[in-house]
Amino acid sequence: MSMKAIHGENKYLEFINNIVDSKMKLIQERTKGDTSYPNIVNVSLEKWRGELIELVAQSLSSHESHGSIERWACSSVTLFKQMEVSLDVALADLQYFRHEIAKIIKAHAIENELSLETFYDILSLFHSGLDRINYRLTVSYSHSFAGTVSSELSIPIVKVTKTIAILPLIGDINSGRAKDLMERALSEGSSLELNHLIIDLSGVSIVDTMVADQLIKVVAALKLAGIQAILTGIRPEIAQTMVNLGIVIKHIPTFASLHTALLHLQKSKSILNI
């Protein structure tokens, strides 16, 4: 029995529905015997795989949106980072579903006695859609990774003793970098089990009210986390600007240089495990 071609917007609707109907079976086959992740991660992966299969099915539709692929790719990268699952898992899933869904398409085409031309058109749409999904996922991951590396390079935290680290800041501090500074100082300070974090400003070109306000907030947040922040390297012209702006940081320990700050900490009886 020949399948009647469905013209218009849903030309391959039967194939789309067939793929979606096979979703649960495909997911179960993919996750069968997989005990390498905690249950909560497996549940999230199953949901993600279902969304992937539906997106693949949409590649056969004229309604397919490049925007939906991009949004899905971005949310996928966020999800995988939260689950601490590598991109290799996603790419392996893409390869697995490419193979399995292609078999579904082939079986349906044979059953409905599709012409070779129609079968080729469907496979071309299918592989083209999967290639776009693969590309967007890889690009989104690369951008996310580059952003992480950029943040780590622009806000480096260097541990110098068991409980003391240095955070040398270089260049301008805008609102975005200030936010990264807060997050990185707190996360790294806690993970490194620091007692003191020396924030060196000798490489900062401008300290205005916004920068000073952000620094004060970072110092306050670190204090709540049990970490004493120390400012060093405030150049004379920066100090003069801060005075002119009425910026007061008397409650924050300050030293002329990293060297003097470290000497002070080493001599302090309150510092242990140097």
Foldseek 3Di string as FASTA:
>chain_A
DADDQDDDFCRPVVLLVLQLVCLVVLLCVVCPPDPPAPPVLSVVVSVLSSVVSNLLSCLQGPPRDLVVLLVSLLVVLVSCVVRVHDCVVVVVSLVSCLVVSLVVLVVVCVVNVPDPVVSVVSNVSSVVSSVSSVVSNVVSNVVVVVVVVVLCVQFPWADDFLAEIETEHAEEQDPVNLVSNLVCCLVVNVVSVHQEYEYECLRYDADDPVNLVSVVVSQVVCVVVNHAYEYENCDPVRVVRCVVRVNDDPVHHYDHHPVVVVVVLVPDPVDPRD
